[in-house]
C-alpha atoms as a PDB file:
ATOM      1  CA  MET A   1     -38.219 245.166 150.867  1.00  0.00           C
ATOM      2  CA  GLU A   2     -38.864 248.877 150.783  1.00  0.00           C
ATOM      3  CA  LYS A   3     -39.634 250.742 147.572  1.00  0.00           C
ATOM      4  CA  ARG A   4     -39.663 254.416 146.582  1.00  0.00           C
ATOM      5  CA  THR A   5     -40.401 256.258 143.403  1.00  0.00           C
ATOM      6  CA  ALA A   6     -38.405 259.168 142.036  1.00  0.00           C
ATOM      7  CA  LEU A   7     -38.112 261.251 138.898  1.00  0.00           C
ATOM      8  CA  VAL A   8     -35.081 261.168 136.628  1.00  0.00           C
ATOM      9  CA  LEU A   9     -34.389 263.009 133.381  1.00  0.00           C
ATOM     10  CA  ARG A  10     -34.063 260.858 130.267  1.00  0.00           C
ATOM     11  CA  HIS A  11     -32.609 262.224 127.037  1.00  0.00           C
ATOM     12  CA  LYS A  12     -35.319 261.936 124.379  1.00  0.00           C
ATOM     13  CA  LYS A  13     -33.029 260.953 121.483  1.00  0.00           C
ATOM     14  CA  THR A  14     -30.529 258.636 123.163  1.00  0.00           C
ATOM     15  CA  GLY A  15     -32.499 257.251 126.119  1.00  0.00           C
ATOM     16  CA  LEU A  16     -29.566 258.030 128.429  1.00  0.00           C
ATOM     17  CA  TYR A  17     -30.174 259.496 131.873  1.00  0.00           C
ATOM     18  CA  TYR A  18     -28.930 262.842 133.149  1.00  0.00           C
ATOM     19  CA  ASP A  19     -26.435 261.691 135.749  1.00  0.00           C
ATOM     20  CA  LYS A  20     -24.720 263.237 138.749  1.00  0.00           C
ATOM     21  CA  MET A  21     -21.250 263.540 137.237  1.00  0.00           C
ATOM     22  CA  ASN A  22     -20.877 263.288 133.453  1.00  0.00           C
ATOM     23  CA  GLY A  23     -24.113 264.660 132.050  1.00  0.00           C
ATOM     24  CA  HIS A  24     -25.279 261.426 130.392  1.00  0.00           C
ATOM     25  CA  GLY A  25     -25.193 257.853 131.559  1.00  0.00           C
ATOM     26  CA  LYS A  26     -26.978 254.566 131.063  1.00  0.00           C
ATOM     27  CA  GLU A  27     -27.100 253.502 134.719  1.00  0.00           C
ATOM     28  CA  LEU A  28     -30.142 254.489 136.742  1.00  0.00           C
ATOM     29  CA  TRP A  29     -28.189 254.347 140.007  1.00  0.00           C
ATOM     30  CA  GLN A  30     -26.019 257.208 138.746  1.00  0.00           C
ATOM     31  CA  ALA A  31     -28.945 259.301 137.493  1.00  0.00           C
ATOM     32  CA  ARG A  32     -29.754 262.534 139.290  1.00  0.00           C
ATOM     33  CA  ARG A  33     -33.000 261.813 141.170  1.00  0.00           C
ATOM     34  CA  PHE A  34     -35.787 264.105 142.300  1.00  0.00           C
ATOM     35  CA  MET A  35     -38.448 263.380 144.909  1.00  0.00           C
ATOM     36  CA  ASN A  36     -41.283 265.119 143.035  1.00  0.00           C
ATOM     37  CA  GLU A  37     -42.097 267.431 140.144  1.00  0.00           C
ATOM     38  CA  GLU A  38     -41.813 270.553 142.301  1.00  0.00           C
ATOM     39  CA  GLN A  39     -38.241 269.714 143.298  1.00  0.00           C
ATOM     40  CA  LEU A  40     -37.363 269.020 139.650  1.00  0.00           C
ATOM     41  CA  ALA A  41     -38.922 272.331 138.550  1.00  0.00           C
ATOM     42  CA  VAL A  42     -36.985 274.375 141.123  1.00  0.00           C
ATOM     43  CA  TRP A  43     -33.730 272.617 140.220  1.00  0.00           C
ATOM     44  CA  SER A  44     -34.399 273.145 136.500  1.00  0.00           C
ATOM     45  CA  GLU A  45     -34.819 276.877 137.041  1.00  0.00           C
ATOM     46  CA  ALA A  46     -32.089 277.611 139.572  1.00  0.00           C
ATOM     47  CA  SER A  47     -29.334 275.020 139.439  1.00  0.00           C
ATOM     48  CA  ILE A  48     -26.015 275.604 137.720  1.00  0.00           C
ATOM     49  CA  TYR A  49     -25.973 271.830 137.079  1.00  0.00           C
ATOM     50  CA  ARG A  50     -29.112 271.741 134.937  1.00  0.00           C
ATOM     51  CA  PRO A  51     -28.741 270.622 131.306  1.00  0.00           C
ATOM     52  CA  ASP A  52     -27.870 273.240 128.700  1.00  0.00           C
ATOM     53  CA  ASP A  53     -30.735 271.980 126.551  1.00  0.00           C
ATOM     54  CA  PRO A  54     -33.591 271.052 128.946  1.00  0.00           C
ATOM     55  CA  ASP A  55     -36.126 270.570 126.126  1.00  0.00           C
ATOM     56  CA  GLU A  56     -34.174 267.503 125.000  1.00  0.00           C
ATOM     57  CA  TYR A  57     -35.041 265.711 128.261  1.00  0.00           C
ATOM     58  CA  GLU A  58     -38.206 264.226 129.666  1.00  0.00           C
ATOM     59  CA  PRO A  59     -38.934 263.324 133.279  1.00  0.00           C
ATOM     60  CA  VAL A  60     -39.624 259.635 133.883  1.00  0.00           C
ATOM     61  CA  VAL A  61     -40.720 257.863 137.050  1.00  0.00           C
ATOM     62  CA  VAL A  62     -38.424 255.154 138.385  1.00  0.00           C
ATOM     63  CA  GLU A  63     -38.853 252.751 141.264  1.00  0.00           C
ATOM     64  CA  MET A  64     -35.998 252.130 143.658  1.00  0.00           C
ATOM     65  CA  SER A  65     -35.884 249.294 146.161  1.00  0.00           C
ATOM     66  CA  ILE A  66     -33.688 248.409 149.077  1.00  0.00           C
ATOM     67  CA  GLN A  67     -33.496 245.178 150.988  1.00  0.00           C
ATOM     68  CA  GLU A  68     -31.353 243.906 153.818  1.00  0.00           C
ATOM     69  CA  VAL A  69     -29.169 240.954 152.858  1.00  0.00           C
ATOM     70  CA  MET A  70     -29.649 238.040 155.227  1.00  0.00           C
ATOM     71  CA  LYS A  71     -26.558 235.983 156.032  1.00  0.00           C
END
């Protein structure tokens, strides 16, 4: 099994994640992911998809894993 870490934005009040499509979601697989803090910082400054209220979010580290299914 391979594992990676990433950063996602979590809404401080609701605990929901900033996702790729709707703004907020509860599923980590749909959360917008960043490889490191530098990538998150650049996106936060330049992206038209950043949250309107960035101070209401906090970056959290998540661990993702992938494994081949044996038949």
